[in-house]
Amino acid sequence: MADLRLPKLPDRTPVKLTIVLSPQLHADLDRYGEAYEAAYGKQESIVDLIPFMLASFLEGDPAFRRARKAARR
């Protein structure tokens, strides 16, 4: 079955991390959640927003994108 057009799907097992935040960062994340709700009319928890925020940050970092591309070679 190796001739399938669709490759084997990557591991999609969620990984749970526990982090410690400074009070200021926590307050900023709360404010970001409020700004998100004001912009989109839907409240989302910070826990739900953070993975998308991190993914957006990594995708927007040109140096990281180059390093990731080089590591795949």
N, C-alpha and C. Protein backbone atom coordinates (compact mmCIF):
# COMPACT_ATOMS: atom_id res chain seq x y z
N MET A 1 0.81 -1.20 0.00
CA MET A 1 0.00 0.00 0.00
C MET A 1 0.85 1.27 0.00
N ALA A 2 2.15 1.17 -0.17
CA ALA A 2 3.01 2.35 -0.15
C ALA A 2 2.79 3.25 -1.35
N ASP A 3 1.98 2.83 -2.31
CA ASP A 3 1.74 3.64 -3.50
C ASP A 3 0.59 4.62 -3.33
N LEU A 4 0.04 4.73 -2.15
CA LEU A 4 -1.05 5.67 -1.92
C LEU A 4 -0.56 7.10 -2.07
N ARG A 5 -1.39 7.94 -2.60
CA ARG A 5 -1.04 9.35 -2.77
C ARG A 5 -0.92 10.05 -1.42
N LEU A 6 -1.79 9.69 -0.49
CA LEU A 6 -1.76 10.29 0.84
C LEU A 6 -0.68 9.61 1.67
N PRO A 7 0.28 10.38 2.20
CA PRO A 7 1.32 9.76 3.03
C PRO A 7 0.75 9.38 4.39
N LYS A 8 1.53 8.60 5.12
CA LYS A 8 1.14 8.22 6.46
C LYS A 8 0.95 9.49 7.29
N LEU A 9 -0.14 9.56 8.03
CA LEU A 9 -0.43 10.74 8.83
C LEU A 9 0.58 10.87 9.97
N PRO A 10 0.92 12.12 10.32
CA PRO A 10 1.86 12.32 11.42
C PRO A 10 1.20 12.00 12.76
N ASP A 11 2.02 11.87 13.77
CA ASP A 11 1.52 11.63 15.13
C ASP A 11 0.68 12.83 15.55
N ARG A 12 -0.53 12.57 15.96
CA ARG A 12 -1.43 13.64 16.39
C ARG A 12 -1.81 13.50 17.86
N THR A 13 -1.02 12.77 18.61
CA THR A 13 -1.28 12.60 20.04
C THR A 13 -0.98 13.93 20.74
N PRO A 14 -1.97 14.50 21.42
CA PRO A 14 -1.72 15.77 22.10
C PRO A 14 -0.67 15.61 23.19
N VAL A 15 0.09 16.66 23.41
CA VAL A 15 1.10 16.69 24.46
C VAL A 15 0.69 17.79 25.44
N LYS A 16 0.56 17.44 26.69
CA LYS A 16 0.17 18.42 27.70
C LYS A 16 1.43 18.95 28.37
N LEU A 17 1.54 20.28 28.42
CA LEU A 17 2.66 20.94 29.07
C LEU A 17 2.13 21.77 30.22
N THR A 18 2.93 21.87 31.26
CA THR A 18 2.63 22.75 32.37
C THR A 18 3.72 23.81 32.39
N ILE A 19 3.31 25.08 32.40
CA ILE A 19 4.29 26.16 32.41
C ILE A 19 3.98 27.11 33.55
N VAL A 20 4.97 27.88 33.93
CA VAL A 20 4.81 28.90 34.95
C VAL A 20 4.94 30.25 34.26
N LEU A 21 3.98 31.13 34.49
CA LEU A 21 3.96 32.45 33.86
C LEU A 21 4.20 33.53 34.90
N SER A 22 4.80 34.60 34.47
CA SER A 22 4.89 35.76 35.35
C SER A 22 3.50 36.37 35.49
N PRO A 23 3.25 37.08 36.58
CA PRO A 23 1.94 37.73 36.72
C PRO A 23 1.64 38.68 35.56
N GLN A 24 2.66 39.36 35.07
CA GLN A 24 2.45 40.31 33.96
C GLN A 24 2.06 39.59 32.68
N LEU A 25 2.73 38.48 32.37
CA LEU A 25 2.38 37.73 31.17
C LEU A 25 0.96 37.16 31.30
N HIS A 26 0.62 36.67 32.47
CA HIS A 26 -0.74 36.15 32.67
C HIS A 26 -1.77 37.25 32.44
N ALA A 27 -1.51 38.43 32.98
CA ALA A 27 -2.43 39.56 32.78
C ALA A 27 -2.52 39.92 31.29
N ASP A 28 -1.38 39.91 30.60
CA ASP A 28 -1.38 40.22 29.16
C ASP A 28 -2.17 39.18 28.38
N LEU A 29 -2.04 37.92 28.76
CA LEU A 29 -2.81 36.88 28.08
C LEU A 29 -4.32 37.06 28.32
N ASP A 30 -4.68 37.42 29.54
CA ASP A 30 -6.09 37.71 29.82
C ASP A 30 -6.58 38.86 28.94
N ARG A 31 -5.77 39.92 28.83
CA ARG A 31 -6.16 41.06 27.99
C ARG A 31 -6.24 40.65 26.52
N TYR A 32 -5.35 39.77 26.10
CA TYR A 32 -5.42 39.28 24.72
C TYR A 32 -6.72 38.52 24.50
N GLY A 33 -7.11 37.71 25.46
CA GLY A 33 -8.38 37.00 25.36
C GLY A 33 -9.55 37.96 25.24
N GLU A 34 -9.50 39.05 25.98
CA GLU A 34 -10.55 40.07 25.88
C GLU A 34 -10.54 40.73 24.51
N ALA A 35 -9.35 41.02 23.99
CA ALA A 35 -9.25 41.62 22.65
C ALA A 35 -9.76 40.66 21.59
N TYR A 36 -9.47 39.38 21.76
CA TYR A 36 -9.96 38.37 20.82
C TYR A 36 -11.48 38.34 20.82
N GLU A 37 -12.06 38.36 22.01
CA GLU A 37 -13.52 38.34 22.10
C GLU A 37 -14.12 39.60 21.47
N ALA A 38 -13.50 40.75 21.69
CA ALA A 38 -14.00 42.00 21.09
C ALA A 38 -13.90 41.95 19.57
N ALA A 39 -12.84 41.34 19.06
CA ALA A 39 -12.63 41.28 17.61
C ALA A 39 -13.55 40.28 16.93
N TYR A 40 -13.80 39.14 17.57
CA TYR A 40 -14.52 38.05 16.92
C TYR A 40 -15.87 37.71 17.54
N GLY A 41 -16.22 38.38 18.65
CA GLY A 41 -17.51 38.15 19.26
C GLY A 41 -17.67 36.78 19.90
N LYS A 42 -16.58 36.10 20.15
CA LYS A 42 -16.63 34.78 20.77
C LYS A 42 -15.53 34.68 21.81
N GLN A 43 -15.93 34.29 23.00
CA GLN A 43 -14.95 34.13 24.06
C GLN A 43 -14.27 32.77 23.93
N GLU A 44 -12.95 32.78 23.96
CA GLU A 44 -12.15 31.54 23.95
C GLU A 44 -11.24 31.59 25.16
N SER A 45 -11.03 30.45 25.78
CA SER A 45 -10.14 30.43 26.94
C SER A 45 -8.70 30.64 26.48
N ILE A 46 -7.92 31.18 27.39
CA ILE A 46 -6.49 31.37 27.10
C ILE A 46 -5.84 30.04 26.77
N VAL A 47 -6.24 28.98 27.48
CA VAL A 47 -5.68 27.65 27.24
C VAL A 47 -5.93 27.22 25.79
N ASP A 48 -7.08 27.58 25.24
CA ASP A 48 -7.38 27.23 23.85
C ASP A 48 -6.66 28.14 22.86
N LEU A 49 -6.41 29.39 23.24
CA LEU A 49 -5.75 30.33 22.34
C LEU A 49 -4.24 30.12 22.25
N ILE A 50 -3.62 29.74 23.36
CA ILE A 50 -2.15 29.68 23.41
C ILE A 50 -1.54 28.77 22.34
N PRO A 51 -2.03 27.56 22.08
CA PRO A 51 -1.40 26.76 21.02
C PRO A 51 -1.41 27.46 19.65
N PHE A 52 -2.49 28.17 19.34
CA PHE A 52 -2.56 28.88 18.07
C PHE A 52 -1.64 30.10 18.07
N MET A 53 -1.51 30.75 19.22
CA MET A 53 -0.59 31.88 19.34
C MET A 53 0.86 31.41 19.13
N LEU A 54 1.21 30.30 19.75
CA LEU A 54 2.57 29.76 19.59
C LEU A 54 2.84 29.34 18.15
N ALA A 55 1.87 28.67 17.52
CA ALA A 55 2.04 28.25 16.13
C ALA A 55 2.22 29.47 15.22
N SER A 56 1.43 30.51 15.46
CA SER A 56 1.53 31.73 14.66
C SER A 56 2.90 32.39 14.85
N PHE A 57 3.37 32.41 16.10
CA PHE A 57 4.68 32.98 16.38
C PHE A 57 5.78 32.23 15.64
N LEU A 58 5.74 30.90 15.72
CA LEU A 58 6.78 30.10 15.06
C LEU A 58 6.73 30.24 13.54
N GLU A 59 5.54 30.25 12.98
CA GLU A 59 5.41 30.41 11.52
C GLU A 59 5.86 31.79 11.06
N GLY A 60 5.75 32.78 11.93
CA GLY A 60 6.13 34.15 11.58
C GLY A 60 7.59 34.47 11.81
N ASP A 61 8.36 33.53 12.32
CA ASP A 61 9.77 33.76 12.62
C ASP A 61 10.62 33.23 11.46
N PRO A 62 11.14 34.12 10.62
CA PRO A 62 11.88 33.66 9.44
C PRO A 62 13.12 32.82 9.78
N ALA A 63 13.82 33.18 10.84
CA ALA A 63 15.02 32.42 11.21
C ALA A 63 14.64 30.99 11.61
N PHE A 64 13.55 30.86 12.34
CA PHE A 64 13.11 29.52 12.74
C PHE A 64 12.66 28.72 11.52
N ARG A 65 11.94 29.35 10.60
CA ARG A 65 11.50 28.64 9.40
C ARG A 65 12.70 28.12 8.61
N ARG A 66 13.76 28.95 8.48
CA ARG A 66 14.97 28.51 7.78
C ARG A 66 15.63 27.34 8.50
N ALA A 67 15.72 27.44 9.82
CA ALA A 67 16.36 26.37 10.61
C ALA A 67 15.55 25.08 10.50
N ARG A 68 14.25 25.17 10.55
CA ARG A 68 13.41 23.97 10.43
C ARG A 68 13.55 23.36 9.05
N LYS A 69 13.59 24.20 8.02
CA LYS A 69 13.76 23.70 6.66
C LYS A 69 15.12 23.01 6.50
N ALA A 70 16.15 23.59 7.06
CA ALA A 70 17.50 23.00 6.97
C ALA A 70 17.54 21.67 7.72
N ALA A 71 16.83 21.57 8.83
CA ALA A 71 16.83 20.33 9.61
C ALA A 71 16.13 19.19 8.89
N ARG A 72 15.22 19.51 7.99
CA ARG A 72 14.48 18.49 7.24
C ARG A 72 15.30 17.88 6.12
N ARG A 73 16.37 18.51 5.76
CA ARG A 73 17.20 18.02 4.63
C ARG A 73 17.98 16.81 5.02
